[in-house]
Amino acid sequence: MNKYFYCIIIFFFLLISCNKKETVVCSLEFRTINIKVNGKLLNNFFTIRKSTGDTIIIDNSTGFSTNYYPVLNDNFQPLLLNKTEAFEFFGIINDSVVIKESFLIKADACHIDYVSGNTEITL
């Protein structure tokens, strides 16, 4: 009787452990991937998500610095969850494209992460 009882207990522990979902604890940090532009200030800027062609315009009124421009931020984490995607940043001065930089950006369960791309440009 004791042998069967222990087997049943072990079976239930195994069954319960298989149904547990992984718990993820995220920080409250809000990440933004920026590009630093030395020299001139941009009149306009935007990012293109290459997989869809969507234009992404991120508000730059954070007051962080006038020569840092956001490429992408954590608002897009759900769209990139467990993927790496290509993005292209465009910087414009007087209706002319002066910056065209490619980026690879990925996301985990919490945040976006920079993978590659030139994060500093001198005009």
PDB file of N, CA and C in Angstrom:
ATOM      1  N   MET A   1       0.825  -1.197   0.000  1.00  0.00           N
ATOM      2  CA  MET A   1       0.000   0.000   0.000  1.00  0.00           C
ATOM      3  C   MET A   1       0.863   1.253   0.000  1.00  0.00           C
ATOM      4  N   ASN A   2       1.905   1.271   0.821  1.00  0.00           N
ATOM      5  CA  ASN A   2       2.776   2.433   0.884  1.00  0.00           C
ATOM      6  C   ASN A   2       3.491   2.685  -0.439  1.00  0.00           C
ATOM      7  N   LYS A   3       3.859   1.607  -1.130  1.00  0.00           N
ATOM      8  CA  LYS A   3       4.556   1.739  -2.404  1.00  0.00           C
ATOM      9  C   LYS A   3       3.653   2.446  -3.424  1.00  0.00           C
ATOM     10  N   TYR A   4       2.390   2.059  -3.479  1.00  0.00           N
ATOM     11  CA  TYR A   4       1.454   2.674  -4.422  1.00  0.00           C
ATOM     12  C   TYR A   4       1.154   4.119  -4.049  1.00  0.00           C
ATOM     13  N   PHE A   5       1.047   4.363  -2.786  1.00  0.00           N
ATOM     14  CA  PHE A   5       0.793   5.726  -2.309  1.00  0.00           C
ATOM     15  C   PHE A   5       1.916   6.673  -2.742  1.00  0.00           C
ATOM     16  N   TYR A   6       3.159   6.246  -2.560  1.00  0.00           N
ATOM     17  CA  TYR A   6       4.307   7.071  -2.959  1.00  0.00           C
ATOM     18  C   TYR A   6       4.374   7.255  -4.473  1.00  0.00           C
ATOM     19  N   CYS A   7       4.028   6.228  -5.217  1.00  0.00           N
ATOM     20  CA  CYS A   7       4.003   6.334  -6.677  1.00  0.00           C
ATOM     21  C   CYS A   7       2.949   7.351  -7.136  1.00  0.00           C
ATOM     22  N   ILE A   8       1.800   7.324  -6.496  1.00  0.00           N
ATOM     23  CA  ILE A   8       0.741   8.276  -6.843  1.00  0.00           C
ATOM     24  C   ILE A   8       1.165   9.700  -6.495  1.00  0.00           C
ATOM     25  N   ILE A   9       1.778   9.893  -5.342  1.00  0.00           N
ATOM     26  CA  ILE A   9       2.265  11.215  -4.936  1.00  0.00           C
ATOM     27  C   ILE A   9       3.302  11.734  -5.935  1.00  0.00           C
ATOM     28  N   ILE A  10       4.243  10.890  -6.314  1.00  0.00           N
ATOM     29  CA  ILE A  10       5.281  11.301  -7.281  1.00  0.00           C
ATOM     30  C   ILE A  10       4.652  11.635  -8.626  1.00  0.00           C
ATOM     31  N   PHE A  11       3.677  10.835  -9.051  1.00  0.00           N
ATOM     32  CA  PHE A  11       2.985  11.097 -10.305  1.00  0.00           C
ATOM     33  C   PHE A  11       2.304  12.469 -10.284  1.00  0.00           C
ATOM     34  N   PHE A  12       1.626  12.812  -9.216  1.00  0.00           N
ATOM     35  CA  PHE A  12       0.949  14.102  -9.123  1.00  0.00           C
ATOM     36  C   PHE A  12       1.937  15.266  -9.095  1.00  0.00           C
ATOM     37  N   PHE A  13       3.060  15.098  -8.421  1.00  0.00           N
ATOM     38  CA  PHE A  13       4.079  16.150  -8.428  1.00  0.00           C
ATOM     39  C   PHE A  13       4.617  16.381  -9.840  1.00  0.00           C
ATOM     40  N   LEU A  14       4.847  15.300 -10.571  1.00  0.00           N
ATOM     41  CA  LEU A  14       5.310  15.430 -11.952  1.00  0.00           C
ATOM     42  C   LEU A  14       4.255  16.095 -12.826  1.00  0.00           C
ATOM     43  N   LEU A  15       3.025  15.720 -12.636  1.00  0.00           N
ATOM     44  CA  LEU A  15       1.933  16.306 -13.408  1.00  0.00           C
ATOM     45  C   LEU A  15       1.797  17.797 -13.133  1.00  0.00           C
ATOM     46  N   ILE A  16       1.863  18.170 -11.889  1.00  0.00           N
ATOM     47  CA  ILE A  16       1.751  19.584 -11.511  1.00  0.00           C
ATOM     48  C   ILE A  16       2.934  20.379 -12.048  1.00  0.00           C
ATOM     49  N   SER A  17       4.127  19.845 -11.981  1.00  0.00           N
ATOM     50  CA  SER A  17       5.308  20.577 -12.442  1.00  0.00           C
ATOM     51  C   SER A  17       5.283  20.782 -13.951  1.00  0.00           C
ATOM     52  N   CYS A  18       4.651  19.923 -14.711  1.00  0.00           N
ATOM     53  CA  CYS A  18       4.565  20.079 -16.162  1.00  0.00           C
ATOM     54  C   CYS A  18       3.605  21.191 -16.557  1.00  0.00           C
ATOM     55  N   ASN A  19       2.665  21.525 -15.732  1.00  0.00           N
ATOM     56  CA  ASN A  19       1.673  22.537 -16.063  1.00  0.00           C
ATOM     57  C   ASN A  19       2.064  23.939 -15.627  1.00  0.00           C
ATOM     58  N   LYS A  20       3.181  24.090 -14.940  1.00  0.00           N
ATOM     59  CA  LYS A  20       3.575  25.414 -14.473  1.00  0.00           C
ATOM     60  C   LYS A  20       4.061  26.253 -15.643  1.00  0.00           C
ATOM     61  N   LYS A  21       3.633  27.490 -15.683  1.00  0.00           N
ATOM     62  CA  LYS A  21       4.122  28.429 -16.680  1.00  0.00           C
ATOM     63  C   LYS A  21       5.284  29.200 -16.084  1.00  0.00           C
ATOM     64  N   GLU A  22       6.218  29.558 -16.945  1.00  0.00           N
ATOM     65  CA  GLU A  22       7.376  30.320 -16.489  1.00  0.00           C
ATOM     66  C   GLU A  22       6.945  31.726 -16.087  1.00  0.00           C
ATOM     67  N   THR A  23       7.363  32.160 -14.935  1.00  0.00           N
ATOM     68  CA  THR A  23       7.049  33.499 -14.463  1.00  0.00           C
ATOM     69  C   THR A  23       8.189  34.436 -14.847  1.00  0.00           C
ATOM     70  N   VAL A  24       7.832  35.535 -15.478  1.00  0.00           N
ATOM     71  CA  VAL A  24       8.826  36.513 -15.900  1.00  0.00           C
ATOM     72  C   VAL A  24       8.627  37.777 -15.088  1.00  0.00           C
ATOM     73  N   VAL A  25       9.705  38.268 -14.515  1.00  0.00           N
ATOM     74  CA  VAL A  25       9.659  39.515 -13.758  1.00  0.00           C
ATOM     75  C   VAL A  25      10.418  40.561 -14.562  1.00  0.00           C
ATOM     76  N   CYS A  26       9.721  41.614 -14.961  1.00  0.00           N
ATOM     77  CA  CYS A  26      10.322  42.674 -15.780  1.00  0.00           C
ATOM     78  C   CYS A  26      10.622  43.896 -14.921  1.00  0.00           C
ATOM     79  N   SER A  27      11.662  44.601 -15.314  1.00  0.00           N
ATOM     80  CA  SER A  27      11.970  45.856 -14.634  1.00  0.00           C
ATOM     81  C   SER A  27      11.009  46.935 -15.123  1.00  0.00           C
ATOM     82  N   LEU A  28      10.945  48.030 -14.417  1.00  0.00           N
ATOM     83  CA  LEU A  28      10.091  49.144 -14.809  1.00  0.00           C
ATOM     84  C   LEU A  28      10.791  50.080 -15.785  1.00  0.00           C
ATOM     85  N   GLU A  29      11.987  49.728 -16.171  1.00  0.00           N
ATOM     86  CA  GLU A  29      12.758  50.514 -17.134  1.00  0.00           C
ATOM     87  C   GLU A  29      12.000  50.595 -18.468  1.00  0.00           C
ATOM     88  N   PHE A  30      12.033  51.765 -19.099  1.00  0.00           N
ATOM     89  CA  PHE A  30      11.449  51.948 -20.428  1.00  0.00           C
ATOM     90  C   PHE A  30      12.598  52.197 -21.390  1.00  0.00           C
ATOM     91  N   ARG A  31      12.850  51.242 -22.269  1.00  0.00           N
ATOM     92  CA  ARG A  31      14.008  51.324 -23.144  1.00  0.00           C
ATOM     93  C   ARG A  31      13.693  52.034 -24.456  1.00  0.00           C
ATOM     94  N   THR A  32      14.672  52.814 -24.893  1.00  0.00           N
ATOM     95  CA  THR A  32      14.632  53.454 -26.198  1.00  0.00           C
ATOM     96  C   THR A  32      15.983  53.259 -26.851  1.00  0.00           C
ATOM     97  N   ILE A  33      15.970  52.833 -28.089  1.00  0.00           N
ATOM     98  CA  ILE A  33      17.205  52.740 -28.874  1.00  0.00           C
ATOM     99  C   ILE A  33      17.327  54.044 -29.638  1.00  0.00           C
ATOM    100  N   ASN A  34      18.443  54.741 -29.416  1.00  0.00           N
ATOM    101  CA  ASN A  34      18.654  56.061 -30.009  1.00  0.00           C
ATOM    102  C   ASN A  34      19.792  56.058 -31.003  1.00  0.00           C
ATOM    103  N   ILE A  35      19.778  57.068 -31.863  1.00  0.00           N
ATOM    104  CA  ILE A  35      20.902  57.349 -32.723  1.00  0.00           C
ATOM    105  C   ILE A  35      21.364  58.765 -32.388  1.00  0.00           C
ATOM    106  N   LYS A  36      22.663  58.937 -32.217  1.00  0.00           N
ATOM    107  CA  LYS A  36      23.242  60.242 -31.896  1.00  0.00           C
ATOM    108  C   LYS A  36      23.732  60.872 -33.198  1.00  0.00           C
ATOM    109  N   VAL A  37      23.295  62.107 -33.442  1.00  0.00           N
ATOM    110  CA  VAL A  37      23.687  62.822 -34.652  1.00  0.00           C
ATOM    111  C   VAL A  37      24.552  64.000 -34.250  1.00  0.00           C
ATOM    112  N   ASN A  38      25.825  63.959 -34.634  1.00  0.00           N
ATOM    113  CA  ASN A  38      26.764  65.059 -34.359  1.00  0.00           C
ATOM    114  C   ASN A  38      26.806  66.005 -35.548  1.00  0.00           C
ATOM    115  N   GLY A  39      26.895  67.271 -35.278  1.00  0.00           N
ATOM    116  CA  GLY A  39      27.011  68.254 -36.352  1.00  0.00           C
ATOM    117  C   GLY A  39      25.763  69.085 -36.493  1.00  0.00           C
ATOM    118  N   LYS A  40      24.818  68.617 -37.250  1.00  0.00           N
ATOM    119  CA  LYS A  40      23.595  69.375 -37.547  1.00  0.00           C
ATOM    120  C   LYS A  40      22.396  68.742 -36.858  1.00  0.00           C
ATOM    121  N   LEU A  41      21.358  69.544 -36.644  1.00  0.00           N
ATOM    122  CA  LEU A  41      20.103  69.046 -36.086  1.00  0.00           C
ATOM    123  C   LEU A  41      19.176  68.631 -37.226  1.00  0.00           C
ATOM    124  N   LEU A  42      18.452  67.564 -37.014  1.00  0.00           N
ATOM    125  CA  LEU A  42      17.501  67.086 -38.012  1.00  0.00           C
ATOM    126  C   LEU A  42      16.215  67.893 -37.939  1.00  0.00           C
ATOM    127  N   ASN A  43      15.600  68.135 -39.100  1.00  0.00           N
ATOM    128  CA  ASN A  43      14.277  68.763 -39.143  1.00  0.00           C
ATOM    129  C   ASN A  43      13.171  67.742 -38.906  1.00  0.00           C
ATOM    130  N   ASN A  44      13.446  66.513 -39.323  1.00  0.00           N
ATOM    131  CA  ASN A  44      12.454  65.450 -39.202  1.00  0.00           C
ATOM    132  C   ASN A  44      13.176  64.106 -39.170  1.00  0.00           C
ATOM    133  N   PHE A  45      12.513  63.098 -38.681  1.00  0.00           N
ATOM    134  CA  PHE A  45      13.075  61.744 -38.640  1.00  0.00           C
ATOM    135  C   PHE A  45      11.948  60.741 -38.478  1.00  0.00           C
ATOM    136  N   PHE A  46      12.198  59.516 -38.916  1.00  0.00           N
ATOM    137  CA  PHE A  46      11.231  58.432 -38.753  1.00  0.00           C
ATOM    138  C   PHE A  46      11.962  57.111 -38.950  1.00  0.00           C
ATOM    139  N   THR A  47      11.294  56.023 -38.582  1.00  0.00           N
ATOM    140  CA  THR A  47      11.838  54.676 -38.719  1.00  0.00           C
ATOM    141  C   THR A  47      10.874  53.845 -39.537  1.00  0.00           C
ATOM    142  N   ILE A  48      11.414  53.012 -40.413  1.00  0.00           N
ATOM    143  CA  ILE A  48      10.598  52.096 -41.209  1.00  0.00           C
ATOM    144  C   ILE A  48      10.829  50.676 -40.693  1.00  0.00           C
ATOM    145  N   ARG A  49       9.744  49.975 -40.410  1.00  0.00           N
ATOM    146  CA  ARG A  49       9.810  48.551 -40.061  1.00  0.00           C
ATOM    147  C   ARG A  49       9.858  47.787 -41.384  1.00  0.00           C
ATOM    148  N   LYS A  50      10.984  47.192 -41.710  1.00  0.00           N
ATOM    149  CA  LYS A  50      11.213  46.628 -43.032  1.00  0.00           C
ATOM    150  C   LYS A  50      10.291  45.458 -43.355  1.00  0.00           C
ATOM    151  N   SER A  51       9.882  44.689 -42.361  1.00  0.00           N
ATOM    152  CA  SER A  51       9.032  43.527 -42.630  1.00  0.00           C
ATOM    153  C   SER A  51       7.633  43.909 -43.090  1.00  0.00           C
ATOM    154  N   THR A  52       7.174  45.093 -42.678  1.00  0.00           N
ATOM    155  CA  THR A  52       5.813  45.518 -43.027  1.00  0.00           C
ATOM    156  C   THR A  52       5.774  46.800 -43.844  1.00  0.00           C
ATOM    157  N   GLY A  53       6.867  47.550 -43.843  1.00  0.00           N
ATOM    158  CA  GLY A  53       6.875  48.853 -44.517  1.00  0.00           C
ATOM    159  C   GLY A  53       6.224  49.953 -43.699  1.00  0.00           C
ATOM    160  N   ASP A  54       5.841  49.647 -42.463  1.00  0.00           N
ATOM    161  CA  ASP A  54       5.192  50.640 -41.606  1.00  0.00           C
ATOM    162  C   ASP A  54       6.161  51.754 -41.233  1.00  0.00           C
ATOM    163  N   THR A  55       5.648  52.982 -41.232  1.00  0.00           N
ATOM    164  CA  THR A  55       6.420  54.132 -40.785  1.00  0.00           C
ATOM    165  C   THR A  55       6.160  54.354 -39.309  1.00  0.00           C
ATOM    166  N   ILE A  56       7.238  54.481 -38.546  1.00  0.00           N
ATOM    167  CA  ILE A  56       7.143  54.663 -37.100  1.00  0.00           C
ATOM    168  C   ILE A  56       7.681  56.047 -36.764  1.00  0.00           C
ATOM    169  N   ILE A  57       6.842  56.849 -36.139  1.00  0.00           N
ATOM    170  CA  ILE A  57       7.245  58.187 -35.718  1.00  0.00           C
ATOM    171  C   ILE A  57       7.159  58.229 -34.200  1.00  0.00           C
ATOM    172  N   ILE A  58       8.295  58.483 -33.563  1.00  0.00           N
ATOM    173  CA  ILE A  58       8.362  58.495 -32.106  1.00  0.00           C
ATOM    174  C   ILE A  58       8.605  59.935 -31.652  1.00  0.00           C
ATOM    175  N   ASP A  59       7.811  60.373 -30.706  1.00  0.00           N
ATOM    176  CA  ASP A  59       7.941  61.725 -30.152  1.00  0.00           C
ATOM    177  C   ASP A  59       9.309  61.887 -29.502  1.00  0.00           C
ATOM    178  N   ASN A  60       9.980  62.967 -29.834  1.00  0.00           N
ATOM    179  CA  ASN A  60      11.314  63.230 -29.283  1.00  0.00           C
ATOM    180  C   ASN A  60      11.287  64.397 -28.298  1.00  0.00           C
ATOM    181  N   SER A  61      10.183  64.599 -27.632  1.00  0.00           N
ATOM    182  CA  SER A  61      10.053  65.748 -26.728  1.00  0.00           C
ATOM    183  C   SER A  61      10.398  65.393 -25.280  1.00  0.00           C
ATOM    184  N   THR A  62      11.226  64.378 -25.090  1.00  0.00           N
ATOM    185  CA  THR A  62      11.585  63.964 -23.738  1.00  0.00           C
ATOM    186  C   THR A  62      12.540  64.932 -23.077  1.00  0.00           C
ATOM    187  N   GLY A  63      13.190  65.784 -23.863  1.00  0.00           N
ATOM    188  CA  GLY A  63      14.132  66.737 -23.293  1.00  0.00           C
ATOM    189  C   GLY A  63      15.470  66.106 -22.966  1.00  0.00           C
ATOM    190  N   PHE A  64      15.698  64.855 -23.400  1.00  0.00           N
ATOM    191  CA  PHE A  64      16.949  64.157 -23.090  1.00  0.00           C
ATOM    192  C   PHE A  64      18.138  64.898 -23.697  1.00  0.00           C
ATOM    193  N   SER A  65      18.128  65.088 -24.991  1.00  0.00           N
ATOM    194  CA  SER A  65      19.188  65.818 -25.679  1.00  0.00           C
ATOM    195  C   SER A  65      18.719  66.097 -27.090  1.00  0.00           C
ATOM    196  N   THR A  66      19.158  67.206 -27.640  1.00  0.00           N
ATOM    197  CA  THR A  66      18.696  67.569 -28.974  1.00  0.00           C
ATOM    198  C   THR A  66      19.404  66.803 -30.078  1.00  0.00           C
ATOM    199  N   ASN A  67      20.521  66.150 -29.784  1.00  0.00           N
ATOM    200  CA  ASN A  67      21.189  65.416 -30.856  1.00  0.00           C
ATOM    201  C   ASN A  67      21.015  63.896 -30.745  1.00  0.00           C
ATOM    202  N   TYR A  68      20.102  63.446 -29.914  1.00  0.00           N
ATOM    203  CA  TYR A  68      19.732  62.034 -29.838  1.00  0.00           C
ATOM    204  C   TYR A  68      18.324  61.875 -30.395  1.00  0.00           C
ATOM    205  N   TYR A  69      18.156  60.902 -31.288  1.00  0.00           N
ATOM    206  CA  TYR A  69      16.860  60.683 -31.919  1.00  0.00           C
ATOM    207  C   TYR A  69      16.445  59.229 -31.709  1.00  0.00           C
ATOM    208  N   PRO A  70      15.180  59.002 -31.312  1.00  0.00           N
ATOM    209  CA  PRO A  70      14.731  57.626 -31.057  1.00  0.00           C
ATOM    210  C   PRO A  70      14.519  56.840 -32.348  1.00  0.00           C
ATOM    211  N   VAL A  71      15.059  55.641 -32.364  1.00  0.00           N
ATOM    212  CA  VAL A  71      14.847  54.719 -33.479  1.00  0.00           C
ATOM    213  C   VAL A  71      13.629  53.859 -33.171  1.00  0.00           C
ATOM    214  N   LEU A  72      13.569  53.323 -31.955  1.00  0.00           N
ATOM    215  CA  LEU A  72      12.461  52.474 -31.519  1.00  0.00           C
ATOM    216  C   LEU A  72      12.444  52.445 -30.004  1.00  0.00           C
ATOM    217  N   ASN A  73      11.264  52.197 -29.412  1.00  0.00           N
ATOM    218  CA  ASN A  73      11.191  52.109 -27.952  1.00  0.00           C
ATOM    219  C   ASN A  73      10.337  50.914 -27.527  1.00  0.00           C
ATOM    220  N   ASP A  74      10.218  50.743 -26.221  1.00  0.00           N
ATOM    221  CA  ASP A  74       9.515  49.584 -25.657  1.00  0.00           C
ATOM    222  C   ASP A  74       8.028  49.515 -26.009  1.00  0.00           C
ATOM    223  N   ASN A  75       7.460  50.573 -26.572  1.00  0.00           N
ATOM    224  CA  ASN A  75       6.066  50.474 -27.015  1.00  0.00           C
ATOM    225  C   ASN A  75       5.898  49.407 -28.094  1.00  0.00           C
ATOM    226  N   PHE A  76       6.983  49.057 -28.773  1.00  0.00           N
ATOM    227  CA  PHE A  76       6.934  48.088 -29.853  1.00  0.00           C
ATOM    228  C   PHE A  76       7.354  46.680 -29.423  1.00  0.00           C
ATOM    229  N   GLN A  77       7.633  46.507 -28.133  1.00  0.00           N
ATOM    230  CA  GLN A  77       8.053  45.194 -27.612  1.00  0.00           C
ATOM    231  C   GLN A  77       7.056  44.085 -27.934  1.00  0.00           C
ATOM    232  N   PRO A  78       5.737  44.294 -27.772  1.00  0.00           N
ATOM    233  CA  PRO A  78       4.803  43.198 -28.069  1.00  0.00           C
ATOM    234  C   PRO A  78       4.851  42.738 -29.534  1.00  0.00           C
ATOM    235  N   LEU A  79       5.131  43.660 -30.452  1.00  0.00           N
ATOM    236  CA  LEU A  79       5.195  43.304 -31.869  1.00  0.00           C
ATOM    237  C   LEU A  79       6.451  42.505 -32.206  1.00  0.00           C
ATOM    238  N   LEU A  80       7.488  42.662 -31.401  1.00  0.00           N
ATOM    239  CA  LEU A  80       8.768  42.004 -31.666  1.00  0.00           C
ATOM    240  C   LEU A  80       9.047  40.830 -30.731  1.00  0.00           C
ATOM    241  N   LEU A  81       8.108  40.477 -29.901  1.00  0.00           N
ATOM    242  CA  LEU A  81       8.312  39.448 -28.883  1.00  0.00           C
ATOM    243  C   LEU A  81       8.971  38.200 -29.456  1.00  0.00           C
ATOM    244  N   ASN A  82      10.151  37.875 -28.918  1.00  0.00           N
ATOM    245  CA  ASN A  82      10.931  36.692 -29.301  1.00  0.00           C
ATOM    246  C   ASN A  82      11.324  36.667 -30.778  1.00  0.00           C
ATOM    247  N   LYS A  83      11.474  37.857 -31.374  1.00  0.00           N
ATOM    248  CA  LYS A  83      11.892  37.966 -32.771  1.00  0.00           C
ATOM    249  C   LYS A  83      12.990  39.016 -32.888  1.00  0.00           C
ATOM    250  N   THR A  84      13.715  38.952 -33.980  1.00  0.00           N
ATOM    251  CA  THR A  84      14.659  39.992 -34.374  1.00  0.00           C
ATOM    252  C   THR A  84      14.198  40.509 -35.720  1.00  0.00           C
ATOM    253  N   GLU A  85      14.094  41.845 -35.838  1.00  0.00           N
ATOM    254  CA  GLU A  85      13.620  42.434 -37.084  1.00  0.00           C
ATOM    255  C   GLU A  85      14.530  43.568 -37.533  1.00  0.00           C
ATOM    256  N   ALA A  86      14.450  43.864 -38.822  1.00  0.00           N
ATOM    257  CA  ALA A  86      15.231  44.943 -39.422  1.00  0.00           C
ATOM    258  C   ALA A  86      14.394  46.219 -39.456  1.00  0.00           C
ATOM    259  N   PHE A  87      15.059  47.319 -39.111  1.00  0.00           N
ATOM    260  CA  PHE A  87      14.448  48.645 -39.149  1.00  0.00           C
ATOM    261  C   PHE A  87      15.409  49.582 -39.865  1.00  0.00           C
ATOM    262  N   GLU A  88      14.859  50.648 -40.445  1.00  0.00           N
ATOM    263  CA  GLU A  88      15.704  51.631 -41.099  1.00  0.00           C
ATOM    264  C   GLU A  88      15.322  53.016 -40.590  1.00  0.00           C
ATOM    265  N   PHE A  89      16.315  53.740 -40.087  1.00  0.00           N
ATOM    266  CA  PHE A  89      16.120  55.089 -39.554  1.00  0.00           C
ATOM    267  C   PHE A  89      16.446  56.092 -40.660  1.00  0.00           C
ATOM    268  N   PHE A  90      15.565  57.082 -40.819  1.00  0.00           N
ATOM    269  CA  PHE A  90      15.767  58.155 -41.791  1.00  0.00           C
ATOM    270  C   PHE A  90      15.843  59.482 -41.061  1.00  0.00           C
ATOM    271  N   GLY A  91      16.878  60.254 -41.329  1.00  0.00           N
ATOM    272  CA  GLY A  91      17.015  61.607 -40.802  1.00  0.00           C
ATOM    273  C   GLY A  91      16.920  62.593 -41.949  1.00  0.00           C
ATOM    274  N   ILE A  92      16.163  63.665 -41.741  1.00  0.00           N
ATOM    275  CA  ILE A  92      15.879  64.613 -42.818  1.00  0.00           C
ATOM    276  C   ILE A  92      16.268  66.028 -42.389  1.00  0.00           C
ATOM    277  N   ILE A  93      16.915  66.737 -43.303  1.00  0.00           N
ATOM    278  CA  ILE A  93      17.200  68.165 -43.144  1.00  0.00           C
ATOM    279  C   ILE A  93      16.742  68.852 -44.423  1.00  0.00           C
ATOM    280  N   ASN A  94      15.872  69.841 -44.268  1.00  0.00           N
ATOM    281  CA  ASN A  94      15.346  70.621 -45.407  1.00  0.00           C
ATOM    282  C   ASN A  94      14.829  69.720 -46.534  1.00  0.00           C
ATOM    283  N   ASP A  95      13.981  68.782 -46.206  1.00  0.00           N
ATOM    284  CA  ASP A  95      13.339  67.864 -47.154  1.00  0.00           C
ATOM    285  C   ASP A  95      14.299  66.918 -47.876  1.00  0.00           C
ATOM    286  N   SER A  96      15.524  66.807 -47.412  1.00  0.00           N
ATOM    287  CA  SER A  96      16.491  65.872 -47.999  1.00  0.00           C
ATOM    288  C   SER A  96      16.881  64.820 -46.964  1.00  0.00           C
ATOM    289  N   VAL A  97      16.916  63.563 -47.396  1.00  0.00           N
ATOM    290  CA  VAL A  97      17.352  62.486 -46.516  1.00  0.00           C
ATOM    291  C   VAL A  97      18.872  62.575 -46.381  1.00  0.00           C
ATOM    292  N   VAL A  98      19.336  62.820 -45.164  1.00  0.00           N
ATOM    293  CA  VAL A  98      20.769  62.937 -44.899  1.00  0.00           C
ATOM    294  C   VAL A  98      21.303  61.740 -44.102  1.00  0.00           C
ATOM    295  N   ILE A  99      20.381  60.966 -43.520  1.00  0.00           N
ATOM    296  CA  ILE A  99      20.758  59.762 -42.777  1.00  0.00           C
ATOM    297  C   ILE A  99      19.815  58.641 -43.176  1.00  0.00           C
ATOM    298  N   LYS A 100      20.401  57.501 -43.499  1.00  0.00           N
ATOM    299  CA  LYS A 100      19.636  56.272 -43.765  1.00  0.00           C
ATOM    300  C   LYS A 100      20.459  55.152 -43.152  1.00  0.00           C
ATOM    301  N   GLU A 101      20.060  54.719 -41.949  1.00  0.00           N
ATOM    302  CA  GLU A 101      20.820  53.717 -41.193  1.00  0.00           C
ATOM    303  C   GLU A 101      19.952  52.506 -40.881  1.00  0.00           C
ATOM    304  N   SER A 102      20.509  51.328 -41.115  1.00  0.00           N
ATOM    305  CA  SER A 102      19.809  50.072 -40.836  1.00  0.00           C
ATOM    306  C   SER A 102      20.116  49.598 -39.419  1.00  0.00           C
ATOM    307  N   PHE A 103      19.108  49.033 -38.778  1.00  0.00           N
ATOM    308  CA  PHE A 103      19.225  48.498 -37.424  1.00  0.00           C
ATOM    309  C   PHE A 103      18.583  47.122 -37.361  1.00  0.00           C
ATOM    310  N   LEU A 104      19.134  46.260 -36.539  1.00  0.00           N
ATOM    311  CA  LEU A 104      18.479  45.020 -36.139  1.00  0.00           C
ATOM    312  C   LEU A 104      18.109  45.179 -34.674  1.00  0.00           C
ATOM    313  N   ILE A 105      16.848  44.908 -34.372  1.00  0.00           N
ATOM    314  CA  ILE A 105      16.332  45.079 -33.006  1.00  0.00           C
ATOM    315  C   ILE A 105      15.526  43.839 -32.660  1.00  0.00           C
ATOM    316  N   LYS A 106      15.705  43.366 -31.433  1.00  0.00           N
ATOM    317  CA  LYS A 106      14.973  42.189 -30.973  1.00  0.00           C
ATOM    318  C   LYS A 106      14.216  42.547 -29.703  1.00  0.00           C
ATOM    319  N   ALA A 107      13.373  41.612 -29.261  1.00  0.00           N
ATOM    320  CA  ALA A 107      12.635  41.818 -28.015  1.00  0.00           C
ATOM    321  C   ALA A 107      12.476  40.494 -27.294  1.00  0.00           C
ATOM    322  N   ASP A 108      12.523  40.583 -25.970  1.00  0.00           N
ATOM    323  CA  ASP A 108      12.214  39.426 -25.138  1.00  0.00           C
ATOM    324  C   ASP A 108      10.851  39.678 -24.496  1.00  0.00           C
ATOM    325  N   ALA A 109      10.565  39.022 -23.425  1.00  0.00           N
ATOM    326  CA  ALA A 109       9.261  39.162 -22.772  1.00  0.00           C
ATOM    327  C   ALA A 109       9.074  40.518 -22.103  1.00  0.00           C
ATOM    328  N   CYS A 110      10.161  41.288 -21.953  1.00  0.00           N
ATOM    329  CA  CYS A 110      10.080  42.551 -21.214  1.00  0.00           C
ATOM    330  C   CYS A 110      10.433  43.787 -22.029  1.00  0.00           C
ATOM    331  N   HIS A 111      11.499  43.707 -22.811  1.00  0.00           N
ATOM    332  CA  HIS A 111      12.041  44.916 -23.435  1.00  0.00           C
ATOM    333  C   HIS A 111      12.549  44.648 -24.845  1.00  0.00           C
ATOM    334  N   ILE A 112      12.741  45.751 -25.592  1.00  0.00           N
ATOM    335  CA  ILE A 112      13.451  45.661 -26.856  1.00  0.00           C
ATOM    336  C   ILE A 112      14.947  45.715 -26.555  1.00  0.00           C
ATOM    337  N   ASP A 113      15.757  45.200 -27.482  1.00  0.00           N
ATOM    338  CA  ASP A 113      17.210  45.212 -27.330  1.00  0.00           C
ATOM    339  C   ASP A 113      17.862  45.528 -28.662  1.00  0.00           C
ATOM    340  N   TYR A 114      18.885  46.345 -28.598  1.00  0.00           N
ATOM    341  CA  TYR A 114      19.704  46.672 -29.756  1.00  0.00           C
ATOM    342  C   TYR A 114      20.528  45.440 -30.137  1.00  0.00           C
ATOM    343  N   VAL A 115      20.564  45.107 -31.428  1.00  0.00           N
ATOM    344  CA  VAL A 115      21.389  44.012 -31.921  1.00  0.00           C
ATOM    345  C   VAL A 115      22.534  44.582 -32.751  1.00  0.00           C
ATOM    346  N   SER A 116      22.197  45.430 -33.741  1.00  0.00           N
ATOM    347  CA  SER A 116      23.247  46.014 -34.571  1.00  0.00           C
ATOM    348  C   SER A 116      22.740  47.283 -35.254  1.00  0.00           C
ATOM    349  N   GLY A 117      23.671  48.057 -35.742  1.00  0.00           N
ATOM    350  CA  GLY A 117      23.359  49.301 -36.439  1.00  0.00           C
ATOM    351  C   GLY A 117      24.250  50.415 -35.908  1.00  0.00           C
ATOM    352  N   ASN A 118      24.467  51.397 -36.719  1.00  0.00           N
ATOM    353  CA  ASN A 118      25.322  52.521 -36.351  1.00  0.00           C
ATOM    354  C   ASN A 118      24.554  53.472 -35.455  1.00  0.00           C
ATOM    355  N   THR A 119      24.983  53.633 -34.208  1.00  0.00           N
ATOM    356  CA  THR A 119      24.255  54.460 -33.237  1.00  0.00           C
ATOM    357  C   THR A 119      24.825  55.872 -33.109  1.00  0.00           C
ATOM    358  N   GLU A 120      25.835  56.207 -33.921  1.00  0.00           N
ATOM    359  CA  GLU A 120      26.377  57.566 -33.894  1.00  0.00           C
ATOM    360  C   GLU A 120      26.797  57.969 -35.302  1.00  0.00           C
ATOM    361  N   ILE A 121      26.302  59.124 -35.737  1.00  0.00           N
ATOM    362  CA  ILE A 121      26.549  59.654 -37.072  1.00  0.00           C
ATOM    363  C   ILE A 121      27.100  61.068 -36.956  1.00  0.00           C
ATOM    364  N   THR A 122      28.029  61.433 -37.812  1.00  0.00           N
ATOM    365  CA  THR A 122      28.500  62.811 -37.879  1.00  0.00           C
ATOM    366  C   THR A 122      28.146  63.365 -39.241  1.00  0.00           C
ATOM    367  N   LEU A 123      27.444  64.482 -39.230  1.00  0.00           N
ATOM    368  CA  LEU A 123      27.061  65.148 -40.489  1.00  0.00           C
ATOM    369  C   LEU A 123      28.031  66.287 -40.790  1.00  0.00           C
TER     370      LEU A 123
END
